[in-house]
Amino acid sequence: MDSHRPLFTTFFKGTRLADEVLAVRFHGPDVAVVNGRGDTFKGKRPRKLTRIQTYTLVRQEDGRWRIAAFHNTKRKPLMESISHRFAPGLAPAAGS
């Protein structure tokens, strides 16, 4: 949160976050990796989310899940389309 606070008080001031979970994989009872898509927006929520996001979640002693690591990458739709055509197994199970 501390590293994102300056962004949302300057460049992204007044924006909201949209996200969509594509997959959750548990690596033991207290660790999960979540893959999804997301974006910032003002006004109406965007139909297509332009970022690929990966969260590593860890369950703390109090039972609450916390984000231990987060990665955010801009999508490249043309390259995704080409990759999925030649290697269909790379396409996310939850859709595009």
PDB file of N, CA and C in Angstrom:
ATOM      1  N   MET A   1       0.816  -1.191   0.000  1.00  0.00           N
ATOM      2  CA  MET A   1       0.000   0.000   0.000  1.00  0.00           C
ATOM      3  C   MET A   1       0.859   1.254   0.000  1.00  0.00           C
ATOM      4  N   ASP A   2       1.912   1.238   0.800  1.00  0.00           N
ATOM      5  CA  ASP A   2       2.745   2.440   0.885  1.00  0.00           C
ATOM      6  C   ASP A   2       3.359   2.809  -0.453  1.00  0.00           C
ATOM      7  N   SER A   3       3.749   1.809  -1.242  1.00  0.00           N
ATOM      8  CA  SER A   3       4.376   2.116  -2.526  1.00  0.00           C
ATOM      9  C   SER A   3       3.365   2.629  -3.556  1.00  0.00           C
ATOM     10  N   HIS A   4       2.087   2.290  -3.408  1.00  0.00           N
ATOM     11  CA  HIS A   4       1.066   2.752  -4.350  1.00  0.00           C
ATOM     12  C   HIS A   4       0.419   4.073  -3.930  1.00  0.00           C
ATOM     13  N   ARG A   5       0.501   4.429  -2.665  1.00  0.00           N
ATOM     14  CA  ARG A   5      -0.154   5.645  -2.173  1.00  0.00           C
ATOM     15  C   ARG A   5       0.249   6.886  -2.982  1.00  0.00           C
ATOM     16  N   PRO A   6       1.555   7.120  -3.266  1.00  0.00           N
ATOM     17  CA  PRO A   6       1.911   8.309  -4.057  1.00  0.00           C
ATOM     18  C   PRO A   6       1.280   8.320  -5.457  1.00  0.00           C
ATOM     19  N   LEU A   7       1.116   7.145  -6.066  1.00  0.00           N
ATOM     20  CA  LEU A   7       0.497   7.080  -7.394  1.00  0.00           C
ATOM     21  C   LEU A   7      -0.952   7.547  -7.361  1.00  0.00           C
ATOM     22  N   PHE A   8      -1.689   7.096  -6.331  1.00  0.00           N
ATOM     23  CA  PHE A   8      -3.113   7.410  -6.281  1.00  0.00           C
ATOM     24  C   PHE A   8      -3.411   8.768  -5.667  1.00  0.00           C
ATOM     25  N   THR A   9      -2.384   9.467  -5.208  1.00  0.00           N
ATOM     26  CA  THR A   9      -2.585  10.845  -4.757  1.00  0.00           C
ATOM     27  C   THR A   9      -2.056  11.842  -5.793  1.00  0.00           C
ATOM     28  N   THR A  10      -1.459  11.318  -6.892  1.00  0.00           N
ATOM     29  CA  THR A  10      -0.951  12.205  -7.952  1.00  0.00           C
ATOM     30  C   THR A  10      -1.475  11.737  -9.316  1.00  0.00           C
ATOM     31  N   PHE A  11      -0.735  10.881 -10.001  1.00  0.00           N
ATOM     32  CA  PHE A  11      -1.048  10.469 -11.379  1.00  0.00           C
ATOM     33  C   PHE A  11      -2.426   9.826 -11.520  1.00  0.00           C
ATOM     34  N   PHE A  12      -2.804   8.981 -10.584  1.00  0.00           N
ATOM     35  CA  PHE A  12      -4.068   8.248 -10.672  1.00  0.00           C
ATOM     36  C   PHE A  12      -5.143   8.818  -9.743  1.00  0.00           C
ATOM     37  N   LYS A  13      -4.971  10.063  -9.308  1.00  0.00           N
ATOM     38  CA  LYS A  13      -5.938  10.678  -8.400  1.00  0.00           C
ATOM     39  C   LYS A  13      -7.333  10.686  -9.039  1.00  0.00           C
ATOM     40  N   GLY A  14      -8.315  10.244  -8.276  1.00  0.00           N
ATOM     41  CA  GLY A  14      -9.689  10.213  -8.766  1.00  0.00           C
ATOM     42  C   GLY A  14     -10.045   8.975  -9.560  1.00  0.00           C
ATOM     43  N   THR A  15      -9.121   8.045  -9.701  1.00  0.00           N
ATOM     44  CA  THR A  15      -9.411   6.823 -10.452  1.00  0.00           C
ATOM     45  C   THR A  15      -9.895   5.732  -9.502  1.00  0.00           C
ATOM     46  N   ARG A  16     -10.436   4.688 -10.100  1.00  0.00           N
ATOM     47  CA  ARG A  16     -10.854   3.497  -9.356  1.00  0.00           C
ATOM     48  C   ARG A  16     -10.142   2.301  -9.957  1.00  0.00           C
ATOM     49  N   LEU A  17     -10.183   1.179  -9.259  1.00  0.00           N
ATOM     50  CA  LEU A  17      -9.561  -0.047  -9.741  1.00  0.00           C
ATOM     51  C   LEU A  17     -10.632  -1.047 -10.165  1.00  0.00           C
ATOM     52  N   ALA A  18     -10.414  -1.671 -11.301  1.00  0.00           N
ATOM     53  CA  ALA A  18     -11.265  -2.770 -11.760  1.00  0.00           C
ATOM     54  C   ALA A  18     -10.381  -4.005 -11.823  1.00  0.00           C
ATOM     55  N   ASP A  19     -10.911  -5.140 -11.403  1.00  0.00           N
ATOM     56  CA  ASP A  19     -10.132  -6.369 -11.508  1.00  0.00           C
ATOM     57  C   ASP A  19     -11.034  -7.559 -11.772  1.00  0.00           C
ATOM     58  N   GLU A  20     -10.412  -8.619 -12.246  1.00  0.00           N
ATOM     59  CA  GLU A  20     -11.111  -9.852 -12.595  1.00  0.00           C
ATOM     60  C   GLU A  20     -10.158 -11.000 -12.282  1.00  0.00           C
ATOM     61  N   VAL A  21     -10.577 -11.914 -11.431  1.00  0.00           N
ATOM     62  CA  VAL A  21      -9.751 -13.070 -11.078  1.00  0.00           C
ATOM     63  C   VAL A  21      -9.917 -14.135 -12.152  1.00  0.00           C
ATOM     64  N   LEU A  22      -8.799 -14.630 -12.692  1.00  0.00           N
ATOM     65  CA  LEU A  22      -8.826 -15.684 -13.702  1.00  0.00           C
ATOM     66  C   LEU A  22      -8.520 -17.056 -13.114  1.00  0.00           C
ATOM     67  N   ALA A  23      -7.632 -17.096 -12.122  1.00  0.00           N
ATOM     68  CA  ALA A  23      -7.251 -18.398 -11.554  1.00  0.00           C
ATOM     69  C   ALA A  23      -6.674 -18.204 -10.160  1.00  0.00           C
ATOM     70  N   VAL A  24      -6.916 -19.203  -9.306  1.00  0.00           N
ATOM     71  CA  VAL A  24      -6.323 -19.246  -7.972  1.00  0.00           C
ATOM     72  C   VAL A  24      -5.690 -20.617  -7.806  1.00  0.00           C
ATOM     73  N   ARG A  25      -4.404 -20.640  -7.453  1.00  0.00           N
ATOM     74  CA  ARG A  25      -3.698 -21.906  -7.210  1.00  0.00           C
ATOM     75  C   ARG A  25      -3.144 -21.864  -5.796  1.00  0.00           C
ATOM     76  N   PHE A  26      -3.478 -22.894  -5.010  1.00  0.00           N
ATOM     77  CA  PHE A  26      -2.975 -22.971  -3.642  1.00  0.00           C
ATOM     78  C   PHE A  26      -1.684 -23.776  -3.619  1.00  0.00           C
ATOM     79  N   HIS A  27      -0.715 -23.267  -2.901  1.00  0.00           N
ATOM     80  CA  HIS A  27       0.579 -23.925  -2.731  1.00  0.00           C
ATOM     81  C   HIS A  27       0.737 -24.191  -1.236  1.00  0.00           C
ATOM     82  N   GLY A  28      -0.081 -25.093  -0.736  1.00  0.00           N
ATOM     83  CA  GLY A  28      -0.158 -25.365   0.693  1.00  0.00           C
ATOM     84  C   GLY A  28      -1.352 -24.630   1.270  1.00  0.00           C
ATOM     85  N   PRO A  29      -1.633 -24.819   2.556  1.00  0.00           N
ATOM     86  CA  PRO A  29      -2.827 -24.225   3.157  1.00  0.00           C
ATOM     87  C   PRO A  29      -2.736 -22.716   3.386  1.00  0.00           C
ATOM     88  N   ASP A  30      -1.538 -22.153   3.328  1.00  0.00           N
ATOM     89  CA  ASP A  30      -1.373 -20.746   3.683  1.00  0.00           C
ATOM     90  C   ASP A  30      -0.742 -19.888   2.603  1.00  0.00           C
ATOM     91  N   VAL A  31      -0.622 -20.415   1.382  1.00  0.00           N
ATOM     92  CA  VAL A  31      -0.038 -19.656   0.272  1.00  0.00           C
ATOM     93  C   VAL A  31      -0.883 -19.883  -0.974  1.00  0.00           C
ATOM     94  N   ALA A  32      -1.208 -18.784  -1.662  1.00  0.00           N
ATOM     95  CA  ALA A  32      -1.971 -18.881  -2.903  1.00  0.00           C
ATOM     96  C   ALA A  32      -1.399 -17.897  -3.919  1.00  0.00           C
ATOM     97  N   VAL A  33      -1.452 -18.290  -5.189  1.00  0.00           N
ATOM     98  CA  VAL A  33      -1.089 -17.404  -6.289  1.00  0.00           C
ATOM     99  C   VAL A  33      -2.370 -17.124  -7.065  1.00  0.00           C
ATOM    100  N   VAL A  34      -2.667 -15.842  -7.248  1.00  0.00           N
ATOM    101  CA  VAL A  34      -3.878 -15.420  -7.940  1.00  0.00           C
ATOM    102  C   VAL A  34      -3.478 -14.710  -9.225  1.00  0.00           C
ATOM    103  N   ASN A  35      -4.025 -15.167 -10.349  1.00  0.00           N
ATOM    104  CA  ASN A  35      -3.803 -14.514 -11.637  1.00  0.00           C
ATOM    105  C   ASN A  35      -5.087 -13.822 -12.051  1.00  0.00           C
ATOM    106  N   GLY A  36      -4.935 -12.616 -12.578  1.00  0.00           N
ATOM    107  CA  GLY A  36      -6.114 -11.880 -12.994  1.00  0.00           C
ATOM    108  C   GLY A  36      -5.782 -10.789 -13.976  1.00  0.00           C
ATOM    109  N   ARG A  37      -6.786  -9.997 -14.247  1.00  0.00           N
ATOM    110  CA  ARG A  37      -6.639  -8.838 -15.104  1.00  0.00           C
ATOM    111  C   ARG A  37      -7.144  -7.633 -14.325  1.00  0.00           C
ATOM    112  N   GLY A  38      -6.627  -6.462 -14.642  1.00  0.00           N
ATOM    113  CA  GLY A  38      -7.074  -5.266 -13.943  1.00  0.00           C
ATOM    114  C   GLY A  38      -6.763  -4.013 -14.716  1.00  0.00           C
ATOM    115  N   ASP A  39      -7.242  -2.895 -14.179  1.00  0.00           N
ATOM    116  CA  ASP A  39      -6.989  -1.598 -14.797  1.00  0.00           C
ATOM    117  C   ASP A  39      -7.481  -0.506 -13.862  1.00  0.00           C
ATOM    118  N   THR A  40      -6.981   0.696 -14.074  1.00  0.00           N
ATOM    119  CA  THR A  40      -7.522   1.871 -13.387  1.00  0.00           C
ATOM    120  C   THR A  40      -8.476   2.551 -14.362  1.00  0.00           C
ATOM    121  N   PHE A  41      -9.464   3.265 -13.812  1.00  0.00           N
ATOM    122  CA  PHE A  41     -10.412   3.954 -14.688  1.00  0.00           C
ATOM    123  C   PHE A  41     -11.066   5.108 -13.948  1.00  0.00           C
ATOM    124  N   LYS A  42     -11.594   6.042 -14.732  1.00  0.00           N
ATOM    125  CA  LYS A  42     -12.445   7.120 -14.232  1.00  0.00           C
ATOM    126  C   LYS A  42     -13.784   6.956 -14.937  1.00  0.00           C
ATOM    127  N   GLY A  43     -14.867   7.189 -14.228  1.00  0.00           N
ATOM    128  CA  GLY A  43     -16.185   7.054 -14.854  1.00  0.00           C
ATOM    129  C   GLY A  43     -16.599   5.605 -14.955  1.00  0.00           C
ATOM    130  N   LYS A  44     -16.998   5.206 -16.158  1.00  0.00           N
ATOM    131  CA  LYS A  44     -17.526   3.865 -16.396  1.00  0.00           C
ATOM    132  C   LYS A  44     -16.413   2.813 -16.424  1.00  0.00           C
ATOM    133  N   ARG A  45     -16.669   1.664 -15.795  1.00  0.00           N
ATOM    134  CA  ARG A  45     -15.705   0.559 -15.768  1.00  0.00           C
ATOM    135  C   ARG A  45     -15.398   0.111 -17.205  1.00  0.00           C
ATOM    136  N   PRO A  46     -14.104  -0.087 -17.535  1.00  0.00           N
ATOM    137  CA  PRO A  46     -13.749  -0.515 -18.898  1.00  0.00           C
ATOM    138  C   PRO A  46     -14.208  -1.950 -19.171  1.00  0.00           C
ATOM    139  N   ARG A  47     -14.598  -2.219 -20.414  1.00  0.00           N
ATOM    140  CA  ARG A  47     -14.989  -3.586 -20.803  1.00  0.00           C
ATOM    141  C   ARG A  47     -13.780  -4.503 -20.842  1.00  0.00           C
ATOM    142  N   LYS A  48     -12.667  -4.001 -21.379  1.00  0.00           N
ATOM    143  CA  LYS A  48     -11.442  -4.804 -21.465  1.00  0.00           C
ATOM    144  C   LYS A  48     -10.432  -4.260 -20.474  1.00  0.00           C
ATOM    145  N   LEU A  49      -9.875  -5.157 -19.696  1.00  0.00           N
ATOM    146  CA  LEU A  49      -8.867  -4.769 -18.719  1.00  0.00           C
ATOM    147  C   LEU A  49      -7.496  -4.985 -19.353  1.00  0.00           C
ATOM    148  N   THR A  50      -6.626  -3.974 -19.288  1.00  0.00           N
ATOM    149  CA  THR A  50      -5.393  -3.977 -20.073  1.00  0.00           C
ATOM    150  C   THR A  50      -4.160  -4.478 -19.326  1.00  0.00           C
ATOM    151  N   ARG A  51      -4.319  -4.936 -18.092  1.00  0.00           N
ATOM    152  CA  ARG A  51      -3.164  -5.379 -17.308  1.00  0.00           C
ATOM    153  C   ARG A  51      -3.325  -6.825 -16.865  1.00  0.00           C
ATOM    154  N   ILE A  52      -2.225  -7.563 -16.901  1.00  0.00           N
ATOM    155  CA  ILE A  52      -2.162  -8.906 -16.328  1.00  0.00           C
ATOM    156  C   ILE A  52      -1.597  -8.737 -14.928  1.00  0.00           C
ATOM    157  N   GLN A  53      -2.239  -9.346 -13.944  1.00  0.00           N
ATOM    158  CA  GLN A  53      -1.801  -9.160 -12.561  1.00  0.00           C
ATOM    159  C   GLN A  53      -1.596 -10.510 -11.878  1.00  0.00           C
ATOM    160  N   THR A  54      -0.537 -10.593 -11.097  1.00  0.00           N
ATOM    161  CA  THR A  54      -0.242 -11.782 -10.318  1.00  0.00           C
ATOM    162  C   THR A  54      -0.025 -11.377  -8.871  1.00  0.00           C
ATOM    163  N   TYR A  55      -0.770 -12.010  -7.986  1.00  0.00           N
ATOM    164  CA  TYR A  55      -0.664 -11.761  -6.551  1.00  0.00           C
ATOM    165  C   TYR A  55      -0.162 -13.031  -5.877  1.00  0.00           C
ATOM    166  N   THR A  56       0.738 -12.898  -4.936  1.00  0.00           N
ATOM    167  CA  THR A  56       1.100 -13.995  -4.050  1.00  0.00           C
ATOM    168  C   THR A  56       0.496 -13.637  -2.694  1.00  0.00           C
ATOM    169  N   LEU A  57      -0.411 -14.494  -2.212  1.00  0.00           N
ATOM    170  CA  LEU A  57      -1.111 -14.254  -0.955  1.00  0.00           C
ATOM    171  C   LEU A  57      -0.615 -15.221   0.112  1.00  0.00           C
ATOM    172  N   VAL A  58      -0.498 -14.720   1.325  1.00  0.00           N
ATOM    173  CA  VAL A  58      -0.051 -15.541   2.456  1.00  0.00           C
ATOM    174  C   VAL A  58      -1.046 -15.352   3.596  1.00  0.00           C
ATOM    175  N   ARG A  59      -1.493 -16.479   4.177  1.00  0.00           N
ATOM    176  CA  ARG A  59      -2.399 -16.376   5.327  1.00  0.00           C
ATOM    177  C   ARG A  59      -1.570 -16.146   6.583  1.00  0.00           C
ATOM    178  N   GLN A  60      -1.941 -15.104   7.319  1.00  0.00           N
ATOM    179  CA  GLN A  60      -1.235 -14.733   8.547  1.00  0.00           C
ATOM    180  C   GLN A  60      -1.786 -15.526   9.739  1.00  0.00           C
ATOM    181  N   GLU A  61      -1.122 -15.396  10.873  1.00  0.00           N
ATOM    182  CA  GLU A  61      -1.537 -16.115  12.075  1.00  0.00           C
ATOM    183  C   GLU A  61      -2.959 -15.755  12.507  1.00  0.00           C
ATOM    184  N   ASP A  62      -3.406 -14.546  12.184  1.00  0.00           N
ATOM    185  CA  ASP A  62      -4.762 -14.134  12.567  1.00  0.00           C
ATOM    186  C   ASP A  62      -5.819 -14.662  11.597  1.00  0.00           C
ATOM    187  N   GLY A  63      -5.395 -15.460  10.583  1.00  0.00           N
ATOM    188  CA  GLY A  63      -6.312 -16.053   9.619  1.00  0.00           C
ATOM    189  C   GLY A  63      -6.598 -15.183   8.409  1.00  0.00           C
ATOM    190  N   ARG A  64      -6.134 -13.940   8.415  1.00  0.00           N
ATOM    191  CA  ARG A  64      -6.378 -13.030   7.294  1.00  0.00           C
ATOM    192  C   ARG A  64      -5.324 -13.234   6.219  1.00  0.00           C
ATOM    193  N   TRP A  65      -5.756 -13.125   4.966  1.00  0.00           N
ATOM    194  CA  TRP A  65      -4.850 -13.234   3.828  1.00  0.00           C
ATOM    195  C   TRP A  65      -4.256 -11.864   3.550  1.00  0.00           C
ATOM    196  N   ARG A  66      -2.944 -11.837   3.304  1.00  0.00           N
ATOM    197  CA  ARG A  66      -2.233 -10.594   2.994  1.00  0.00           C
ATOM    198  C   ARG A  66      -1.490 -10.779   1.659  1.00  0.00           C
ATOM    199  N   ILE A  67      -1.337  -9.681   0.941  1.00  0.00           N
ATOM    200  CA  ILE A  67      -0.582  -9.716  -0.313  1.00  0.00           C
ATOM    201  C   ILE A  67       0.896  -9.629   0.033  1.00  0.00           C
ATOM    202  N   ALA A  68       1.637 -10.682  -0.297  1.00  0.00           N
ATOM    203  CA  ALA A  68       3.079 -10.704  -0.045  1.00  0.00           C
ATOM    204  C   ALA A  68       3.847 -10.152  -1.241  1.00  0.00           C
ATOM    205  N   ALA A  69       3.298 -10.336  -2.445  1.00  0.00           N
ATOM    206  CA  ALA A  69       3.954  -9.834  -3.659  1.00  0.00           C
ATOM    207  C   ALA A  69       2.881  -9.579  -4.719  1.00  0.00           C
ATOM    208  N   PHE A  70       3.154  -8.597  -5.583  1.00  0.00           N
ATOM    209  CA  PHE A  70       2.223  -8.216  -6.632  1.00  0.00           C
ATOM    210  C   PHE A  70       3.018  -7.855  -7.873  1.00  0.00           C
ATOM    211  N   HIS A  71       2.536  -8.305  -9.046  1.00  0.00           N
ATOM    212  CA  HIS A  71       3.174  -7.951 -10.314  1.00  0.00           C
ATOM    213  C   HIS A  71       2.089  -7.526 -11.291  1.00  0.00           C
ATOM    214  N   ASN A  72       2.347  -6.468 -12.026  1.00  0.00           N
ATOM    215  CA  ASN A  72       1.382  -5.868 -12.933  1.00  0.00           C
ATOM    216  C   ASN A  72       2.064  -5.633 -14.279  1.00  0.00           C
ATOM    217  N   THR A  73       1.504  -6.173 -15.363  1.00  0.00           N
ATOM    218  CA  THR A  73       2.113  -6.062 -16.685  1.00  0.00           C
ATOM    219  C   THR A  73       1.065  -5.640 -17.708  1.00  0.00           C
ATOM    220  N   LYS A  74       1.410  -4.708 -18.578  1.00  0.00           N
ATOM    221  CA  LYS A  74       0.513  -4.271 -19.651  1.00  0.00           C
ATOM    222  C   LYS A  74       0.293  -5.417 -20.630  1.00  0.00           C
ATOM    223  N   ARG A  75      -0.968  -5.651 -21.005  1.00  0.00           N
ATOM    224  CA  ARG A  75      -1.305  -6.695 -21.977  1.00  0.00           C
ATOM    225  C   ARG A  75      -0.891  -6.274 -23.377  1.00  0.00           C
ATOM    226  N   LYS A  76      -0.567  -7.259 -24.185  1.00  0.00           N
ATOM    227  CA  LYS A  76      -0.244  -7.065 -25.601  1.00  0.00           C
ATOM    228  C   LYS A  76      -1.215  -7.953 -26.392  1.00  0.00           C
ATOM    229  N   PRO A  77      -2.437  -7.476 -26.680  1.00  0.00           N
ATOM    230  CA  PRO A  77      -3.459  -8.321 -27.294  1.00  0.00           C
ATOM    231  C   PRO A  77      -3.034  -9.012 -28.589  1.00  0.00           C
ATOM    232  N   LEU A  78      -2.284  -8.328 -29.461  1.00  0.00           N
ATOM    233  CA  LEU A  78      -1.856  -8.960 -30.711  1.00  0.00           C
ATOM    234  C   LEU A  78      -0.934 -10.140 -30.418  1.00  0.00           C
ATOM    235  N   MET A  79       0.030  -9.947 -29.523  1.00  0.00           N
ATOM    236  CA  MET A  79       0.948 -11.041 -29.186  1.00  0.00           C
ATOM    237  C   MET A  79       0.213 -12.175 -28.468  1.00  0.00           C
ATOM    238  N   GLU A  80      -0.774 -11.847 -27.635  1.00  0.00           N
ATOM    239  CA  GLU A  80      -1.574 -12.885 -26.975  1.00  0.00           C
ATOM    240  C   GLU A  80      -2.302 -13.713 -28.017  1.00  0.00           C
ATOM    241  N   SER A  81      -2.904 -13.062 -28.992  1.00  0.00           N
ATOM    242  CA  SER A  81      -3.651 -13.759 -30.030  1.00  0.00           C
ATOM    243  C   SER A  81      -2.753 -14.709 -30.813  1.00  0.00           C
ATOM    244  N   ILE A  82      -1.573 -14.226 -31.188  1.00  0.00           N
ATOM    245  CA  ILE A  82      -0.624 -15.066 -31.925  1.00  0.00           C
ATOM    246  C   ILE A  82      -0.176 -16.239 -31.061  1.00  0.00           C
ATOM    247  N   SER A  83       0.173 -15.970 -29.814  1.00  0.00           N
ATOM    248  CA  SER A  83       0.623 -17.038 -28.903  1.00  0.00           C
ATOM    249  C   SER A  83      -0.455 -18.087 -28.719  1.00  0.00           C
ATOM    250  N   HIS A  84      -1.706 -17.656 -28.510  1.00  0.00           N
ATOM    251  CA  HIS A  84      -2.794 -18.597 -28.255  1.00  0.00           C
ATOM    252  C   HIS A  84      -3.133 -19.422 -29.490  1.00  0.00           C
ATOM    253  N   ARG A  85      -2.900 -18.838 -30.674  1.00  0.00           N
ATOM    254  CA  ARG A  85      -3.161 -19.596 -31.911  1.00  0.00           C
ATOM    255  C   ARG A  85      -2.150 -20.727 -32.083  1.00  0.00           C
ATOM    256  N   PHE A  86      -0.869 -20.452 -31.817  1.00  0.00           N
ATOM    257  CA  PHE A  86       0.179 -21.441 -32.008  1.00  0.00           C
ATOM    258  C   PHE A  86       0.384 -22.338 -30.788  1.00  0.00           C
ATOM    259  N   ALA A  87      -0.041 -21.875 -29.629  1.00  0.00           N
ATOM    260  CA  ALA A  87       0.094 -22.670 -28.405  1.00  0.00           C
ATOM    261  C   ALA A  87      -1.180 -22.472 -27.574  1.00  0.00           C
ATOM    262  N   PRO A  88      -2.287 -23.146 -27.959  1.00  0.00           N
ATOM    263  CA  PRO A  88      -3.580 -22.938 -27.298  1.00  0.00           C
ATOM    264  C   PRO A  88      -3.528 -23.164 -25.779  1.00  0.00           C
ATOM    265  N   GLY A  89      -2.615 -23.961 -25.299  1.00  0.00           N
ATOM    266  CA  GLY A  89      -2.503 -24.213 -23.872  1.00  0.00           C
ATOM    267  C   GLY A  89      -2.094 -22.992 -23.073  1.00  0.00           C
ATOM    268  N   LEU A  90      -1.601 -21.945 -23.740  1.00  0.00           N
ATOM    269  CA  LEU A  90      -1.208 -20.726 -23.053  1.00  0.00           C
ATOM    270  C   LEU A  90      -2.379 -19.803 -22.732  1.00  0.00           C
ATOM    271  N   ALA A  91      -3.524 -20.037 -23.378  1.00  0.00           N
ATOM    272  CA  ALA A  91      -4.696 -19.177 -23.159  1.00  0.00           C
ATOM    273  C   ALA A  91      -5.235 -19.408 -21.757  1.00  0.00           C
ATOM    274  N   PRO A  92      -5.582 -18.323 -21.028  1.00  0.00           N
ATOM    275  CA  PRO A  92      -6.142 -18.482 -19.684  1.00  0.00           C
ATOM    276  C   PRO A  92      -7.432 -19.290 -19.716  1.00  0.00           C
ATOM    277  N   ALA A  93      -7.610 -20.159 -18.749  1.00  0.00           N
ATOM    278  CA  ALA A  93      -8.794 -21.025 -18.689  1.00  0.00           C
ATOM    279  C   ALA A  93     -10.078 -20.221 -18.518  1.00  0.00           C
ATOM    280  N   ALA A  94      -9.998 -19.057 -17.882  1.00  0.00           N
ATOM    281  CA  ALA A  94     -11.192 -18.259 -17.595  1.00  0.00           C
ATOM    282  C   ALA A  94     -11.566 -17.327 -18.726  1.00  0.00           C
ATOM    283  N   GLY A  95     -10.963 -17.445 -19.878  1.00  0.00           N
ATOM    284  CA  GLY A  95     -11.312 -16.584 -21.016  1.00  0.00           C
ATOM    285  C   GLY A  95     -10.260 -15.531 -21.283  1.00  0.00           C
ATOM    286  N   SER A  96     -10.560 -14.672 -22.259  1.00  0.00           N
ATOM    287  CA  SER A  96      -9.573 -13.682 -22.660  1.00  0.00           C
ATOM    288  C   SER A  96      -9.865 -12.316 -22.259  1.00  0.00           C
TER     289      SER A  96
END
